[in-house]
PDB file of N, CA and C in Angstrom:
ATOM      1  N   MET A   1       2.281-281.313 -88.655  1.00  0.00           N
ATOM      2  CA  MET A   1       3.232-281.070 -89.726  1.00  0.00           C
ATOM      3  C   MET A   1       2.514-280.708 -91.022  1.00  0.00           C
ATOM      4  N   LYS A   2       1.428-281.460 -91.332  1.00  0.00           N
ATOM      5  CA  LYS A   2       0.671-281.170 -92.552  1.00  0.00           C
ATOM      6  C   LYS A   2      -0.004-279.806 -92.453  1.00  0.00           C
ATOM      7  N   LEU A   3      -0.495-279.474 -91.286  1.00  0.00           N
ATOM      8  CA  LEU A   3      -1.152-278.183 -91.090  1.00  0.00           C
ATOM      9  C   LEU A   3      -0.151-277.045 -91.262  1.00  0.00           C
ATOM     10  N   PHE A   4       1.042-277.203 -90.723  1.00  0.00           N
ATOM     11  CA  PHE A   4       2.088-276.191 -90.855  1.00  0.00           C
ATOM     12  C   PHE A   4       2.476-275.990 -92.319  1.00  0.00           C
ATOM     13  N   LEU A   5       2.608-277.082 -93.067  1.00  0.00           N
ATOM     14  CA  LEU A   5       2.944-277.018 -94.489  1.00  0.00           C
ATOM     15  C   LEU A   5       1.821-276.353 -95.279  1.00  0.00           C
ATOM     16  N   LEU A   6       0.580-276.654 -94.935  1.00  0.00           N
ATOM     17  CA  LEU A   6      -0.578-276.056 -95.599  1.00  0.00           C
ATOM     18  C   LEU A   6      -0.639-274.549 -95.339  1.00  0.00           C
ATOM     19  N   VAL A   7      -0.340-274.132 -94.125  1.00  0.00           N
ATOM     20  CA  VAL A   7      -0.336-272.710 -93.775  1.00  0.00           C
ATOM     21  C   VAL A   7       0.772-271.984 -94.539  1.00  0.00           C
ATOM     22  N   ILE A   8       1.925-272.578 -94.665  1.00  0.00           N
ATOM     23  CA  ILE A   8       3.038-271.956 -95.396  1.00  0.00           C
ATOM     24  C   ILE A   8       2.693-271.833 -96.877  1.00  0.00           C
ATOM     25  N   ILE A   9       2.092-272.854 -97.461  1.00  0.00           N
ATOM     26  CA  ILE A   9       1.701-272.800 -98.879  1.00  0.00           C
ATOM     27  C   ILE A   9       0.641-271.721 -99.085  1.00  0.00           C
ATOM     28  N   ALA A  10      -0.328-271.626 -98.180  1.00  0.00           N
ATOM     29  CA  ALA A  10      -1.365-270.599 -98.280  1.00  0.00           C
ATOM     30  C   ALA A  10      -0.746-269.207 -98.165  1.00  0.00           C
ATOM     31  N   PHE A  11       0.208-269.039 -97.271  1.00  0.00           N
ATOM     32  CA  PHE A  11       0.882-267.752 -97.109  1.00  0.00           C
ATOM     33  C   PHE A  11       1.639-267.369 -98.377  1.00  0.00           C
ATOM     34  N   ILE A  12       2.310-268.323 -98.992  1.00  0.00           N
ATOM     35  CA  ILE A  12       3.050-268.060-100.230  1.00  0.00           C
ATOM     36  C   ILE A  12       2.094-267.688-101.355  1.00  0.00           C
ATOM     37  N   VAL A  13       0.947-268.366-101.450  1.00  0.00           N
ATOM     38  CA  VAL A  13      -0.044-268.051-102.487  1.00  0.00           C
ATOM     39  C   VAL A  13      -0.585-266.639-102.288  1.00  0.00           C
ATOM     40  N   VAL A  14      -0.907-266.281-101.052  1.00  0.00           N
ATOM     41  CA  VAL A  14      -1.411-264.933-100.767  1.00  0.00           C
ATOM     42  C   VAL A  14      -0.337-263.890-101.079  1.00  0.00           C
ATOM     43  N   LEU A  15       0.888-264.183-100.768  1.00  0.00           N
ATOM     44  CA  LEU A  15       1.985-263.261-101.046  1.00  0.00           C
ATOM     45  C   LEU A  15       2.166-263.055-102.549  1.00  0.00           C
ATOM     46  N   ILE A  16       2.097-264.118-103.315  1.00  0.00           N
ATOM     47  CA  ILE A  16       2.226-264.018-104.775  1.00  0.00           C
ATOM     48  C   ILE A  16       1.056-263.237-105.364  1.00  0.00           C
ATOM     49  N   MET A  17      -0.160-263.505-104.892  1.00  0.00           N
ATOM     50  CA  MET A  17      -1.340-262.795-105.418  1.00  0.00           C
ATOM     51  C   MET A  17      -1.275-261.304-105.101  1.00  0.00           C
ATOM     52  N   SER A  18      -0.819-260.951-103.913  1.00  0.00           N
ATOM     53  CA  SER A  18      -0.719-259.529-103.568  1.00  0.00           C
ATOM     54  C   SER A  18       0.376-258.846-104.389  1.00  0.00           C
ATOM     55  N   PHE A  19       1.457-259.545-104.663  1.00  0.00           N
ATOM     56  CA  PHE A  19       2.527-258.988-105.492  1.00  0.00           C
ATOM     57  C   PHE A  19       2.032-258.738-106.912  1.00  0.00           C
ATOM     58  N   VAL A  20       1.275-259.686-107.470  1.00  0.00           N
ATOM     59  CA  VAL A  20       0.733-259.533-108.825  1.00  0.00           C
ATOM     60  C   VAL A  20      -0.273-258.383-108.867  1.00  0.00           C
ATOM     61  N   ALA A  21      -1.127-258.273-107.851  1.00  0.00           N
ATOM     62  CA  ALA A  21      -2.111-257.189-107.811  1.00  0.00           C
ATOM     63  C   ALA A  21      -1.426-255.833-107.710  1.00  0.00           C
ATOM     64  N   LEU A  22      -0.389-255.749-106.912  1.00  0.00           N
ATOM     65  CA  LEU A  22       0.348-254.493-106.773  1.00  0.00           C
ATOM     66  C   LEU A  22       1.033-254.116-108.079  1.00  0.00           C
ATOM     67  N   ARG A  23       1.566-255.096-108.761  1.00  0.00           N
ATOM     68  CA  ARG A  23       2.262-254.834-110.024  1.00  0.00           C
ATOM     69  C   ARG A  23       1.294-254.368-111.113  1.00  0.00           C
ATOM     70  N   THR A  24       0.112-254.976-111.203  1.00  0.00           N
ATOM     71  CA  THR A  24      -0.856-254.551-112.221  1.00  0.00           C
ATOM     72  C   THR A  24      -1.399-253.167-111.898  1.00  0.00           C
ATOM     73  N   ARG A  25      -1.510-252.833-110.629  1.00  0.00           N
ATOM     74  CA  ARG A  25      -1.995-251.511-110.255  1.00  0.00           C
ATOM     75  C   ARG A  25      -0.994-250.438-110.682  1.00  0.00           C
ATOM     76  N   LYS A  26       0.291-250.716-110.551  1.00  0.00           N
ATOM     77  CA  LYS A  26       1.312-249.757-110.969  1.00  0.00           C
ATOM     78  C   LYS A  26       1.330-249.593-112.483  1.00  0.00           C
ATOM     79  N   SER A  27       1.186-250.686-113.215  1.00  0.00           N
ATOM     80  CA  SER A  27       1.237-250.590-114.671  1.00  0.00           C
ATOM     81  C   SER A  27      -0.007-249.916-115.229  1.00  0.00           C
ATOM     82  N   SER A  28      -1.153-250.058-114.554  1.00  0.00           N
ATOM     83  CA  SER A  28      -2.351-249.385-115.051  1.00  0.00           C
ATOM     84  C   SER A  28      -2.266-247.881-114.821  1.00  0.00           C
ATOM     85  N   GLY A  29      -1.418-247.438-113.926  1.00  0.00           N
ATOM     86  CA  GLY A  29      -1.220-246.010-113.703  1.00  0.00           C
ATOM     87  C   GLY A  29      -0.447-245.349-114.825  1.00  0.00           C
ATOM     88  N   ASN A  30       0.213-246.127-115.666  1.00  0.00           N
ATOM     89  CA  ASN A  30       0.983-245.583-116.779  1.00  0.00           C
ATOM     90  C   ASN A  30       0.127-245.320-118.007  1.00  0.00           C
ATOM     91  N   VAL A  31      -1.111-245.737-117.992  1.00  0.00           N
ATOM     92  CA  VAL A  31      -1.984-245.589-119.152  1.00  0.00           C
ATOM     93  C   VAL A  31      -2.488-244.155-119.216  1.00  0.00           C
ATOM     94  N   ILE A  32      -2.362-243.550-120.384  1.00  0.00           N
ATOM     95  CA  ILE A  32      -2.840-242.189-120.597  1.00  0.00           C
ATOM     96  C   ILE A  32      -4.146-242.268-121.371  1.00  0.00           C
ATOM     97  N   LYS A  33      -5.195-241.674-120.832  1.00  0.00           N
ATOM     98  CA  LYS A  33      -6.496-241.717-121.483  1.00  0.00           C
ATOM     99  C   LYS A  33      -6.628-240.527-122.425  1.00  0.00           C
ATOM    100  N   PHE A  34      -7.121-240.806-123.632  1.00  0.00           N
ATOM    101  CA  PHE A  34      -7.353-239.748-124.609  1.00  0.00           C
ATOM    102  C   PHE A  34      -8.799-239.299-124.519  1.00  0.00           C
ATOM    103  N   ARG A  35      -9.008-238.027-124.688  1.00  0.00           N
ATOM    104  CA  ARG A  35     -10.375-237.515-124.705  1.00  0.00           C
ATOM    105  C   ARG A  35     -10.483-236.497-125.831  1.00  0.00           C
ATOM    106  N   LYS A  36     -11.669-236.376-126.348  1.00  0.00           N
ATOM    107  CA  LYS A  36     -11.891-235.423-127.422  1.00  0.00           C
ATOM    108  C   LYS A  36     -11.929-234.026-126.812  1.00  0.00           C
ATOM    109  N   LYS A  37     -11.073-233.157-127.295  1.00  0.00           N
ATOM    110  CA  LYS A  37     -10.961-231.835-126.705  1.00  0.00           C
ATOM    111  C   LYS A  37     -12.140-230.941-127.070  1.00  0.00           C
ATOM    112  N   ASN A  38     -12.436-230.892-128.357  1.00  0.00           N
ATOM    113  CA  ASN A  38     -13.434-229.931-128.788  1.00  0.00           C
ATOM    114  C   ASN A  38     -14.016-230.382-130.117  1.00  0.00           C
ATOM    115  N   SER A  39     -15.222-229.974-130.395  1.00  0.00           N
ATOM    116  CA  SER A  39     -15.821-230.340-131.678  1.00  0.00           C
ATOM    117  C   SER A  39     -15.291-229.461-132.807  1.00  0.00           C
ATOM    118  N   LYS A  40     -14.502-228.441-132.482  1.00  0.00           N
ATOM    119  CA  LYS A  40     -13.940-227.577-133.517  1.00  0.00           C
ATOM    120  C   LYS A  40     -12.894-228.296-134.360  1.00  0.00           C
ATOM    121  N   GLN A  41     -12.415-229.432-133.888  1.00  0.00           N
ATOM    122  CA  GLN A  41     -11.420-230.166-134.646  1.00  0.00           C
ATOM    123  C   GLN A  41     -12.019-230.723-135.928  1.00  0.00           C
ATOM    124  N   ASP A  42     -13.332-230.945-135.960  1.00  0.00           N
ATOM    125  CA  ASP A  42     -13.989-231.463-137.152  1.00  0.00           C
ATOM    126  C   ASP A  42     -14.207-230.379-138.200  1.00  0.00           C
ATOM    127  N   LEU A  43     -14.080-229.130-137.801  1.00  0.00           N
ATOM    128  CA  LEU A  43     -14.372-228.026-138.701  1.00  0.00           C
ATOM    129  C   LEU A  43     -13.110-227.589-139.436  1.00  0.00           C
ATOM    130  N   GLN A  44     -13.278-227.323-140.739  1.00  0.00           N
ATOM    131  CA  GLN A  44     -12.168-226.838-141.556  1.00  0.00           C
ATOM    132  C   GLN A  44     -12.633-225.620-142.331  1.00  0.00           C
ATOM    133  N   LYS A  45     -11.680-224.849-142.845  1.00  0.00           N
ATOM    134  CA  LYS A  45     -12.018-223.632-143.570  1.00  0.00           C
ATOM    135  C   LYS A  45     -12.466-223.951-144.983  1.00  0.00           C
ATOM    136  N   CYS A  46     -13.516-223.269-145.418  1.00  0.00           N
ATOM    137  CA  CYS A  46     -13.994-223.371-146.796  1.00  0.00           C
ATOM    138  C   CYS A  46     -12.998-222.640-147.701  1.00  0.00           C
ATOM    139  N   THR A  47     -12.789-223.168-148.886  1.00  0.00           N
ATOM    140  CA  THR A  47     -11.840-222.561-149.821  1.00  0.00           C
ATOM    141  C   THR A  47     -12.335-221.204-150.310  1.00  0.00           C
ATOM    142  N   TYR A  48     -13.636-221.051-150.470  1.00  0.00           N
ATOM    143  CA  TYR A  48     -14.183-219.817-151.038  1.00  0.00           C
ATOM    144  C   TYR A  48     -14.479-218.752-149.984  1.00  0.00           C
ATOM    145  N   CYS A  49     -15.211-219.092-148.923  1.00  0.00           N
ATOM    146  CA  CYS A  49     -15.625-218.065-147.958  1.00  0.00           C
ATOM    147  C   CYS A  49     -14.736-218.011-146.712  1.00  0.00           C
ATOM    148  N   LYS A  50     -13.841-218.977-146.527  1.00  0.00           N
ATOM    149  CA  LYS A  50     -12.885-219.036-145.414  1.00  0.00           C
ATOM    150  C   LYS A  50     -13.543-219.172-144.042  1.00  0.00           C
ATOM    151  N   LYS A  51     -14.824-219.551-143.992  1.00  0.00           N
ATOM    152  CA  LYS A  51     -15.491-219.795-142.715  1.00  0.00           C
ATOM    153  C   LYS A  51     -15.196-221.216-142.268  1.00  0.00           C
ATOM    154  N   ARG A  52     -15.169-221.419-140.953  1.00  0.00           N
ATOM    155  CA  ARG A  52     -14.954-222.761-140.412  1.00  0.00           C
ATOM    156  C   ARG A  52     -16.292-223.495-140.372  1.00  0.00           C
ATOM    157  N   ASN A  53     -16.396-224.525-141.187  1.00  0.00           N
ATOM    158  CA  ASN A  53     -17.593-225.352-141.276  1.00  0.00           C
ATOM    159  C   ASN A  53     -17.179-226.766-141.600  1.00  0.00           C
ATOM    160  N   LYS A  54     -18.160-227.654-141.579  1.00  0.00           N
ATOM    161  CA  LYS A  54     -17.915-228.985-142.117  1.00  0.00           C
ATOM    162  C   LYS A  54     -17.927-228.846-143.627  1.00  0.00           C
ATOM    163  N   ILE A  55     -16.909-229.399-144.265  1.00  0.00           N
ATOM    164  CA  ILE A  55     -16.778-229.179-145.701  1.00  0.00           C
ATOM    165  C   ILE A  55     -16.807-230.497-146.457  1.00  0.00           C
ATOM    166  N   THR A  56     -17.122-230.384-147.745  1.00  0.00           N
ATOM    167  CA  THR A  56     -17.068-231.496-148.684  1.00  0.00           C
ATOM    168  C   THR A  56     -15.981-231.167-149.688  1.00  0.00           C
ATOM    169  N   PHE A  57     -15.192-232.155-150.025  1.00  0.00           N
ATOM    170  CA  PHE A  57     -14.092-231.922-150.954  1.00  0.00           C
ATOM    171  C   PHE A  57     -14.546-232.172-152.385  1.00  0.00           C
ATOM    172  N   TYR A  58     -14.121-231.275-153.275  1.00  0.00           N
ATOM    173  CA  TYR A  58     -14.441-231.358-154.698  1.00  0.00           C
ATOM    174  C   TYR A  58     -13.149-231.330-155.496  1.00  0.00           C
ATOM    175  N   ALA A  59     -13.167-231.973-156.658  1.00  0.00           N
ATOM    176  CA  ALA A  59     -12.016-231.961-157.565  1.00  0.00           C
ATOM    177  C   ALA A  59     -12.417-231.249-158.843  1.00  0.00           C
ATOM    178  N   SER A  60     -11.547-230.359-159.302  1.00  0.00           N
ATOM    179  CA  SER A  60     -11.821-229.639-160.545  1.00  0.00           C
ATOM    180  C   SER A  60     -11.228-230.406-161.723  1.00  0.00           C
ATOM    181  N   ASP A  61     -11.434-229.866-162.927  1.00  0.00           N
ATOM    182  CA  ASP A  61     -10.938-230.525-164.136  1.00  0.00           C
ATOM    183  C   ASP A  61      -9.417-230.574-164.187  1.00  0.00           C
ATOM    184  N   ASP A  62      -8.759-229.558-163.624  1.00  0.00           N
ATOM    185  CA  ASP A  62      -7.295-229.546-163.669  1.00  0.00           C
ATOM    186  C   ASP A  62      -6.661-230.330-162.518  1.00  0.00           C
ATOM    187  N   GLY A  63      -7.468-230.922-161.644  1.00  0.00           N
ATOM    188  CA  GLY A  63      -6.951-231.796-160.593  1.00  0.00           C
ATOM    189  C   GLY A  63      -6.778-231.156-159.235  1.00  0.00           C
ATOM    190  N   THR A  64      -7.106-229.888-159.102  1.00  0.00           N
ATOM    191  CA  THR A  64      -6.990-229.252-157.793  1.00  0.00           C
ATOM    192  C   THR A  64      -8.159-229.679-156.914  1.00  0.00           C
ATOM    193  N   VAL A  65      -7.906-229.732-155.632  1.00  0.00           N
ATOM    194  CA  VAL A  65      -8.926-230.135-154.665  1.00  0.00           C
ATOM    195  C   VAL A  65      -9.304-228.924-153.836  1.00  0.00           C
ATOM    196  N   VAL A  66     -10.605-228.699-153.680  1.00  0.00           N
ATOM    197  CA  VAL A  66     -11.100-227.594-152.869  1.00  0.00           C
ATOM    198  C   VAL A  66     -12.076-228.146-151.843  1.00  0.00           C
ATOM    199  N   GLY A  67     -12.093-227.510-150.677  1.00  0.00           N
ATOM    200  CA  GLY A  67     -13.049-227.842-149.635  1.00  0.00           C
ATOM    201  C   GLY A  67     -14.149-226.809-149.634  1.00  0.00           C
ATOM    202  N   VAL A  68     -15.398-227.263-149.755  1.00  0.00           N
ATOM    203  CA  VAL A  68     -16.524-226.347-149.930  1.00  0.00           C
ATOM    204  C   VAL A  68     -17.563-226.611-148.847  1.00  0.00           C
ATOM    205  N   CYS A  69     -18.072-225.539-148.227  1.00  0.00           N
ATOM    206  CA  CYS A  69     -19.135-225.672-147.239  1.00  0.00           C
ATOM    207  C   CYS A  69     -20.488-225.740-147.943  1.00  0.00           C
ATOM    208  N   LYS A  70     -21.562-225.883-147.163  1.00  0.00           N
ATOM    209  CA  LYS A  70     -22.902-226.003-147.753  1.00  0.00           C
ATOM    210  C   LYS A  70     -23.323-224.725-148.471  1.00  0.00           C
ATOM    211  N   GLU A  71     -22.907-223.588-147.936  1.00  0.00           N
ATOM    212  CA  GLU A  71     -23.297-222.313-148.543  1.00  0.00           C
ATOM    213  C   GLU A  71     -22.622-222.097-149.893  1.00  0.00           C
ATOM    214  N   CYS A  72     -21.405-222.566-150.045  1.00  0.00           N
ATOM    215  CA  CYS A  72     -20.647-222.361-151.286  1.00  0.00           C
ATOM    216  C   CYS A  72     -20.761-223.537-152.249  1.00  0.00           C
ATOM    217  N   ARG A  73     -21.547-224.536-151.912  1.00  0.00           N
ATOM    218  CA  ARG A  73     -21.690-225.706-152.775  1.00  0.00           C
ATOM    219  C   ARG A  73     -22.237-225.362-154.161  1.00  0.00           C
ATOM    220  N   PRO A  74     -23.169-224.400-154.295  1.00  0.00           N
ATOM    221  CA  PRO A  74     -23.615-224.028-155.654  1.00  0.00           C
ATOM    222  C   PRO A  74     -22.489-223.494-156.536  1.00  0.00           C
ATOM    223  N   LYS A  75     -21.487-222.839-155.933  1.00  0.00           N
ATOM    224  CA  LYS A  75     -20.343-222.370-156.724  1.00  0.00           C
ATOM    225  C   LYS A  75     -19.578-223.551-157.312  1.00  0.00           C
ATOM    226  N   ALA A  76     -19.393-224.583-156.514  1.00  0.00           N
ATOM    227  CA  ALA A  76     -18.671-225.762-156.998  1.00  0.00           C
ATOM    228  C   ALA A  76     -19.494-226.502-158.050  1.00  0.00           C
ATOM    229  N   ASP A  77     -20.804-226.560-157.855  1.00  0.00           N
ATOM    230  CA  ASP A  77     -21.660-227.234-158.836  1.00  0.00           C
ATOM    231  C   ASP A  77     -21.699-226.471-160.155  1.00  0.00           C
ATOM    232  N   SER A  78     -21.666-225.133-160.084  1.00  0.00           N
ATOM    233  CA  SER A  78     -21.704-224.344-161.321  1.00  0.00           C
ATOM    234  C   SER A  78     -20.399-224.468-162.109  1.00  0.00           C
ATOM    235  N   ARG A  79     -19.312-224.804-161.426  1.00  0.00           N
ATOM    236  CA  ARG A  79     -18.020-224.988-162.102  1.00  0.00           C
ATOM    237  C   ARG A  79     -17.799-226.444-162.524  1.00  0.00           C
ATOM    238  N   ASP A  80     -18.836-227.262-162.428  1.00  0.00           N
ATOM    239  CA  ASP A  80     -18.800-228.678-162.815  1.00  0.00           C
ATOM    240  C   ASP A  80     -17.716-229.453-162.072  1.00  0.00           C
ATOM    241  N   MET A  81     -17.580-229.187-160.784  1.00  0.00           N
ATOM    242  CA  MET A  81     -16.623-229.935-159.971  1.00  0.00           C
ATOM    243  C   MET A  81     -17.284-231.216-159.473  1.00  0.00           C
ATOM    244  N   LEU A  82     -16.486-232.253-159.335  1.00  0.00           N
ATOM    245  CA  LEU A  82     -16.994-233.544-158.889  1.00  0.00           C
ATOM    246  C   LEU A  82     -16.640-233.759-157.417  1.00  0.00           C
ATOM    247  N   PRO A  83     -17.611-234.216-156.602  1.00  0.00           N
ATOM    248  CA  PRO A  83     -17.288-234.483-155.192  1.00  0.00           C
ATOM    249  C   PRO A  83     -16.372-235.695-155.060  1.00  0.00           C
ATOM    250  N   ILE A  84     -15.475-235.617-154.127  1.00  0.00           N
ATOM    251  CA  ILE A  84     -14.537-236.728-153.904  1.00  0.00           C
ATOM    252  C   ILE A  84     -15.128-237.650-152.864  1.00  0.00           C
TER     253      ILE A  84
END
């Protein structure tokens, strides 16, 4: 009698564990993984030359903000713009 009860309890435990494992496997299938598409997303257009580069933002005296690449940085420095 004790052996029969022990076997039934073990069967119920195995059944519950398999149900939980199956349920977690289904829910993990709903996860969408993000990946970086391209390094071009980091590049923006320069305000002066319109080339796509990594830019630094500058603020002028009147409050406008411009994005300047390395090549056009002397133009921003000559206009006394401050980097943001």
